[in-house]
Amino acid sequence: MSDIKLFESKQVRTHWEEKEKQWYFSIIDVVAVLTDSVKPRDYWFKMKLKVKSEDGLELSTNCRHY
């Protein structure tokens, strides 16, 4: 089941994984809600680079958005 949730009138794409009994949320949508960024995808990309360079941590898997 995929669904759209509203947070302060902004849409956040979600997906319920029945097998794992767990919700998944679009990180780009969450970034948009929390930062009010005009370009949330760019904001997320830059944040991942900053965290990796400062802390050596990966914030995402190696998968591509299509």
PDB file of N, CA and C in Angstrom:
ATOM      1  N   MET A   1       0.840  -1.167   0.000  1.00  0.00           N
ATOM      2  CA  MET A   1       0.000   0.000   0.000  1.00  0.00           C
ATOM      3  C   MET A   1       0.887   1.233   0.000  1.00  0.00           C
ATOM      4  N   SER A   2       0.706   2.098  -0.955  1.00  0.00           N
ATOM      5  CA  SER A   2       1.369   3.399  -0.971  1.00  0.00           C
ATOM      6  C   SER A   2       0.338   4.442  -0.604  1.00  0.00           C
ATOM      7  N   ASP A   3       0.790   5.487   0.010  1.00  0.00           N
ATOM      8  CA  ASP A   3      -0.146   6.474   0.500  1.00  0.00           C
ATOM      9  C   ASP A   3       0.559   7.821   0.569  1.00  0.00           C
ATOM     10  N   ILE A   4      -0.230   8.881   0.631  1.00  0.00           N
ATOM     11  CA  ILE A   4       0.294  10.228   0.820  1.00  0.00           C
ATOM     12  C   ILE A   4      -0.154  10.682   2.204  1.00  0.00           C
ATOM     13  N   LYS A   5       0.781  11.148   3.000  1.00  0.00           N
ATOM     14  CA  LYS A   5       0.483  11.709   4.313  1.00  0.00           C
ATOM     15  C   LYS A   5       0.689  13.211   4.233  1.00  0.00           C
ATOM     16  N   LEU A   6      -0.050  13.940   5.029  1.00  0.00           N
ATOM     17  CA  LEU A   6       0.114  15.387   5.080  1.00  0.00           C
ATOM     18  C   LEU A   6       0.785  15.771   6.386  1.00  0.00           C
ATOM     19  N   PHE A   7       1.747  16.657   6.292  1.00  0.00           N
ATOM     20  CA  PHE A   7       2.406  17.218   7.459  1.00  0.00           C
ATOM     21  C   PHE A   7       2.398  18.718   7.281  1.00  0.00           C
ATOM     22  N   GLU A   8       1.673  19.402   8.120  1.00  0.00           N
ATOM     23  CA  GLU A   8       1.516  20.853   7.994  1.00  0.00           C
ATOM     24  C   GLU A   8       1.168  21.234   6.563  1.00  0.00           C
ATOM     25  N   SER A   9       0.235  20.532   5.991  1.00  0.00           N
ATOM     26  CA  SER A   9      -0.327  20.727   4.647  1.00  0.00           C
ATOM     27  C   SER A   9       0.656  20.422   3.512  1.00  0.00           C
ATOM     28  N   LYS A  10       1.783  19.794   3.819  1.00  0.00           N
ATOM     29  CA  LYS A  10       2.728  19.375   2.784  1.00  0.00           C
ATOM     30  C   LYS A  10       2.662  17.862   2.629  1.00  0.00           C
ATOM     31  N   GLN A  11       2.779  17.389   1.399  1.00  0.00           N
ATOM     32  CA  GLN A  11       2.667  15.961   1.117  1.00  0.00           C
ATOM     33  C   GLN A  11       3.978  15.228   1.396  1.00  0.00           C
ATOM     34  N   VAL A  12       3.842  14.047   2.003  1.00  0.00           N
ATOM     35  CA  VAL A  12       4.969  13.151   2.229  1.00  0.00           C
ATOM     36  C   VAL A  12       4.564  11.780   1.695  1.00  0.00           C
ATOM     37  N   ARG A  13       5.302  11.312   0.692  1.00  0.00           N
ATOM     38  CA  ARG A  13       5.003   9.998   0.123  1.00  0.00           C
ATOM     39  C   ARG A  13       5.435   8.904   1.097  1.00  0.00           C
ATOM     40  N   THR A  14       4.581   7.886   1.222  1.00  0.00           N
ATOM     41  CA  THR A  14       4.851   6.793   2.150  1.00  0.00           C
ATOM     42  C   THR A  14       4.584   5.456   1.481  1.00  0.00           C
ATOM     43  N   HIS A  15       5.117   4.423   2.112  1.00  0.00           N
ATOM     44  CA  HIS A  15       4.857   3.051   1.649  1.00  0.00           C
ATOM     45  C   HIS A  15       4.824   2.143   2.869  1.00  0.00           C
ATOM     46  N   TRP A  16       3.793   1.345   2.992  1.00  0.00           N
ATOM     47  CA  TRP A  16       3.685   0.373   4.071  1.00  0.00           C
ATOM     48  C   TRP A  16       4.204  -0.965   3.572  1.00  0.00           C
ATOM     49  N   GLU A  17       5.222  -1.506   4.228  1.00  0.00           N
ATOM     50  CA  GLU A  17       5.783  -2.806   3.875  1.00  0.00           C
ATOM     51  C   GLU A  17       5.156  -3.842   4.795  1.00  0.00           C
ATOM     52  N   GLU A  18       4.208  -4.587   4.242  1.00  0.00           N
ATOM     53  CA  GLU A  18       3.431  -5.541   5.034  1.00  0.00           C
ATOM     54  C   GLU A  18       4.314  -6.612   5.670  1.00  0.00           C
ATOM     55  N   LYS A  19       5.248  -7.149   4.906  1.00  0.00           N
ATOM     56  CA  LYS A  19       6.104  -8.226   5.410  1.00  0.00           C
ATOM     57  C   LYS A  19       6.894  -7.784   6.643  1.00  0.00           C
ATOM     58  N   GLU A  20       7.414  -6.559   6.613  1.00  0.00           N
ATOM     59  CA  GLU A  20       8.218  -6.034   7.721  1.00  0.00           C
ATOM     60  C   GLU A  20       7.375  -5.288   8.754  1.00  0.00           C
ATOM     61  N   LYS A  21       6.093  -5.047   8.415  1.00  0.00           N
ATOM     62  CA  LYS A  21       5.201  -4.263   9.290  1.00  0.00           C
ATOM     63  C   LYS A  21       5.840  -2.907   9.615  1.00  0.00           C
ATOM     64  N   GLN A  22       6.237  -2.211   8.549  1.00  0.00           N
ATOM     65  CA  GLN A  22       6.990  -0.976   8.735  1.00  0.00           C
ATOM     66  C   GLN A  22       6.624   0.044   7.662  1.00  0.00           C
ATOM     67  N   TRP A  23       6.547   1.315   8.061  1.00  0.00           N
ATOM     68  CA  TRP A  23       6.333   2.407   7.127  1.00  0.00           C
ATOM     69  C   TRP A  23       7.666   2.888   6.587  1.00  0.00           C
ATOM     70  N   TYR A  24       7.671   3.274   5.323  1.00  0.00           N
ATOM     71  CA  TYR A  24       8.820   3.935   4.698  1.00  0.00           C
ATOM     72  C   TYR A  24       8.346   5.302   4.218  1.00  0.00           C
ATOM     73  N   PHE A  25       9.212   6.298   4.350  1.00  0.00           N
ATOM     74  CA  PHE A  25       8.873   7.666   3.973  1.00  0.00           C
ATOM     75  C   PHE A  25       9.876   8.174   2.955  1.00  0.00           C
ATOM     76  N   SER A  26       9.419   9.009   2.046  1.00  0.00           N
ATOM     77  CA  SER A  26      10.302   9.635   1.062  1.00  0.00           C
ATOM     78  C   SER A  26      11.179  10.654   1.776  1.00  0.00           C
ATOM     79  N   ILE A  27      12.490  10.430   1.772  1.00  0.00           N
ATOM     80  CA  ILE A  27      13.408  11.338   2.455  1.00  0.00           C
ATOM     81  C   ILE A  27      13.387  12.723   1.813  1.00  0.00           C
ATOM     82  N   ILE A  28      13.185  12.768   0.519  1.00  0.00           N
ATOM     83  CA  ILE A  28      13.123  14.067  -0.167  1.00  0.00           C
ATOM     84  C   ILE A  28      11.920  14.870   0.328  1.00  0.00           C
ATOM     85  N   ASP A  29      10.786  14.201   0.494  1.00  0.00           N
ATOM     86  CA  ASP A  29       9.592  14.878   1.008  1.00  0.00           C
ATOM     87  C   ASP A  29       9.794  15.328   2.452  1.00  0.00           C
ATOM     88  N   VAL A  30      10.441  14.505   3.257  1.00  0.00           N
ATOM     89  CA  VAL A  30      10.711  14.861   4.657  1.00  0.00           C
ATOM     90  C   VAL A  30      11.656  16.059   4.725  1.00  0.00           C
ATOM     91  N   VAL A  31      12.691  16.059   3.899  1.00  0.00           N
ATOM     92  CA  VAL A  31      13.618  17.194   3.851  1.00  0.00           C
ATOM     93  C   VAL A  31      12.861  18.464   3.458  1.00  0.00           C
ATOM     94  N   ALA A  32      11.972  18.361   2.501  1.00  0.00           N
ATOM     95  CA  ALA A  32      11.192  19.525   2.065  1.00  0.00           C
ATOM     96  C   ALA A  32      10.338  20.073   3.205  1.00  0.00           C
ATOM     97  N   VAL A  33       9.723  19.183   3.971  1.00  0.00           N
ATOM     98  CA  VAL A  33       8.881  19.604   5.089  1.00  0.00           C
ATOM     99  C   VAL A  33       9.708  20.264   6.194  1.00  0.00           C
ATOM    100  N   LEU A  34      10.847  19.675   6.516  1.00  0.00           N
ATOM    101  CA  LEU A  34      11.633  20.149   7.648  1.00  0.00           C
ATOM    102  C   LEU A  34      12.485  21.376   7.351  1.00  0.00           C
ATOM    103  N   THR A  35      12.834  21.588   6.092  1.00  0.00           N
ATOM    104  CA  THR A  35      13.747  22.688   5.759  1.00  0.00           C
ATOM    105  C   THR A  35      13.112  23.813   4.972  1.00  0.00           C
ATOM    106  N   ASP A  36      11.958  23.587   4.397  1.00  0.00           N
ATOM    107  CA  ASP A  36      11.338  24.568   3.489  1.00  0.00           C
ATOM    108  C   ASP A  36      12.251  24.895   2.320  1.00  0.00           C
ATOM    109  N   SER A  37      13.101  23.956   1.949  1.00  0.00           N
ATOM    110  CA  SER A  37      14.031  24.140   0.834  1.00  0.00           C
ATOM    111  C   SER A  37      13.277  24.207  -0.485  1.00  0.00           C
ATOM    112  N   VAL A  38      13.726  25.073  -1.367  1.00  0.00           N
ATOM    113  CA  VAL A  38      13.151  25.171  -2.702  1.00  0.00           C
ATOM    114  C   VAL A  38      13.538  23.940  -3.531  1.00  0.00           C
ATOM    115  N   LYS A  39      14.741  23.411  -3.270  1.00  0.00           N
ATOM    116  CA  LYS A  39      15.249  22.236  -3.981  1.00  0.00           C
ATOM    117  C   LYS A  39      15.648  21.161  -2.961  1.00  0.00           C
ATOM    118  N   PRO A  40      14.678  20.426  -2.417  1.00  0.00           N
ATOM    119  CA  PRO A  40      14.994  19.454  -1.369  1.00  0.00           C
ATOM    120  C   PRO A  40      15.924  18.331  -1.829  1.00  0.00           C
ATOM    121  N   ARG A  41      15.870  17.960  -3.105  1.00  0.00           N
ATOM    122  CA  ARG A  41      16.764  16.913  -3.610  1.00  0.00           C
ATOM    123  C   ARG A  41      18.225  17.391  -3.554  1.00  0.00           C
ATOM    124  N   ASP A  42      18.464  18.648  -3.929  1.00  0.00           N
ATOM    125  CA  ASP A  42      19.811  19.222  -3.848  1.00  0.00           C
ATOM    126  C   ASP A  42      20.265  19.349  -2.388  1.00  0.00           C
ATOM    127  N   TYR A  43      19.344  19.755  -1.528  1.00  0.00           N
ATOM    128  CA  TYR A  43      19.650  19.888  -0.101  1.00  0.00           C
ATOM    129  C   TYR A  43      20.090  18.532   0.464  1.00  0.00           C
ATOM    130  N   TRP A  44      19.349  17.470   0.159  1.00  0.00           N
ATOM    131  CA  TRP A  44      19.676  16.126   0.625  1.00  0.00           C
ATOM    132  C   TRP A  44      21.035  15.674   0.085  1.00  0.00           C
ATOM    133  N   PHE A  45      21.294  15.924  -1.182  1.00  0.00           N
ATOM    134  CA  PHE A  45      22.556  15.542  -1.799  1.00  0.00           C
ATOM    135  C   PHE A  45      23.735  16.223  -1.084  1.00  0.00           C
ATOM    136  N   LYS A  46      23.610  17.532  -0.856  1.00  0.00           N
ATOM    137  CA  LYS A  46      24.686  18.280  -0.202  1.00  0.00           C
ATOM    138  C   LYS A  46      24.858  17.847   1.251  1.00  0.00           C
ATOM    139  N   MET A  47      23.756  17.537   1.919  1.00  0.00           N
ATOM    140  CA  MET A  47      23.838  17.085   3.300  1.00  0.00           C
ATOM    141  C   MET A  47      24.555  15.738   3.393  1.00  0.00           C
ATOM    142  N   LYS A  48      24.276  14.828   2.449  1.00  0.00           N
ATOM    143  CA  LYS A  48      24.965  13.530   2.436  1.00  0.00           C
ATOM    144  C   LYS A  48      26.460  13.712   2.240  1.00  0.00           C
ATOM    145  N   LEU A  49      26.856  14.605   1.328  1.00  0.00           N
ATOM    146  CA  LEU A  49      28.277  14.865   1.094  1.00  0.00           C
ATOM    147  C   LEU A  49      28.957  15.443   2.334  1.00  0.00           C
ATOM    148  N   LYS A  50      28.274  16.375   2.984  1.00  0.00           N
ATOM    149  CA  LYS A  50      28.841  17.014   4.175  1.00  0.00           C
ATOM    150  C   LYS A  50      29.038  15.999   5.296  1.00  0.00           C
ATOM    151  N   VAL A  51      28.036  15.184   5.569  1.00  0.00           N
ATOM    152  CA  VAL A  51      28.137  14.195   6.638  1.00  0.00           C
ATOM    153  C   VAL A  51      29.225  13.173   6.328  1.00  0.00           C
ATOM    154  N   LYS A  52      29.317  12.756   5.062  1.00  0.00           N
ATOM    155  CA  LYS A  52      30.343  11.788   4.684  1.00  0.00           C
ATOM    156  C   LYS A  52      31.735  12.376   4.864  1.00  0.00           C
ATOM    157  N   SER A  53      31.928  13.623   4.471  1.00  0.00           N
ATOM    158  CA  SER A  53      33.257  14.234   4.576  1.00  0.00           C
ATOM    159  C   SER A  53      33.627  14.533   6.030  1.00  0.00           C
ATOM    160  N   GLU A  54      32.647  14.904   6.856  1.00  0.00           N
ATOM    161  CA  GLU A  54      32.938  15.261   8.247  1.00  0.00           C
ATOM    162  C   GLU A  54      33.012  14.049   9.170  1.00  0.00           C
ATOM    163  N   ASP A  55      32.086  13.112   8.991  1.00  0.00           N
ATOM    164  CA  ASP A  55      31.961  11.995   9.926  1.00  0.00           C
ATOM    165  C   ASP A  55      32.295  10.635   9.317  1.00  0.00           C
ATOM    166  N   GLY A  56      32.430  10.581   7.992  1.00  0.00           N
ATOM    167  CA  GLY A  56      32.701   9.315   7.333  1.00  0.00           C
ATOM    168  C   GLY A  56      31.509   8.393   7.266  1.00  0.00           C
ATOM    169  N   LEU A  57      30.306   8.916   7.478  1.00  0.00           N
ATOM    170  CA  LEU A  57      29.089   8.102   7.474  1.00  0.00           C
ATOM    171  C   LEU A  57      28.347   8.212   6.150  1.00  0.00           C
ATOM    172  N   GLU A  58      27.749   7.116   5.718  1.00  0.00           N
ATOM    173  CA  GLU A  58      26.888   7.111   4.533  1.00  0.00           C
ATOM    174  C   GLU A  58      25.440   7.235   5.000  1.00  0.00           C
ATOM    175  N   LEU A  59      24.704   8.203   4.481  1.00  0.00           N
ATOM    176  CA  LEU A  59      23.312   8.392   4.878  1.00  0.00           C
ATOM    177  C   LEU A  59      22.328   7.656   3.986  1.00  0.00           C
ATOM    178  N   SER A  60      22.820   6.978   2.976  1.00  0.00           N
ATOM    179  CA  SER A  60      21.906   6.247   2.098  1.00  0.00           C
ATOM    180  C   SER A  60      22.627   5.079   1.460  1.00  0.00           C
ATOM    181  N   THR A  61      21.822   4.206   0.876  1.00  0.00           N
ATOM    182  CA  THR A  61      22.395   3.097   0.138  1.00  0.00           C
ATOM    183  C   THR A  61      22.825   3.572  -1.241  1.00  0.00           C
ATOM    184  N   ASN A  62      23.532   2.745  -1.962  1.00  0.00           N
ATOM    185  CA  ASN A  62      23.997   3.083  -3.295  1.00  0.00           C
ATOM    186  C   ASN A  62      22.924   2.701  -4.318  1.00  0.00           C
ATOM    187  N   CYS A  63      21.838   3.476  -4.351  1.00  0.00           N
ATOM    188  CA  CYS A  63      20.776   3.230  -5.327  1.00  0.00           C
ATOM    189  C   CYS A  63      20.445   4.549  -6.010  1.00  0.00           C
ATOM    190  N   ARG A  64      19.891   4.465  -7.175  1.00  0.00           N
ATOM    191  CA  ARG A  64      19.608   5.657  -7.972  1.00  0.00           C
ATOM    192  C   ARG A  64      18.115   5.921  -8.037  1.00  0.00           C
ATOM    193  N   HIS A  65      17.767   7.197  -8.086  1.00  0.00           N
ATOM    194  CA  HIS A  65      16.376   7.609  -8.275  1.00  0.00           C
ATOM    195  C   HIS A  65      16.080   7.581  -9.780  1.00  0.00           C
ATOM    196  N   TYR A  66      14.978   7.000 -10.152  1.00  0.00           N
ATOM    197  CA  TYR A  66      14.588   6.937 -11.573  1.00  0.00           C
ATOM    198  C   TYR A  66      13.372   7.772 -11.836  1.00  0.00           C
TER     199      TYR A  66
END
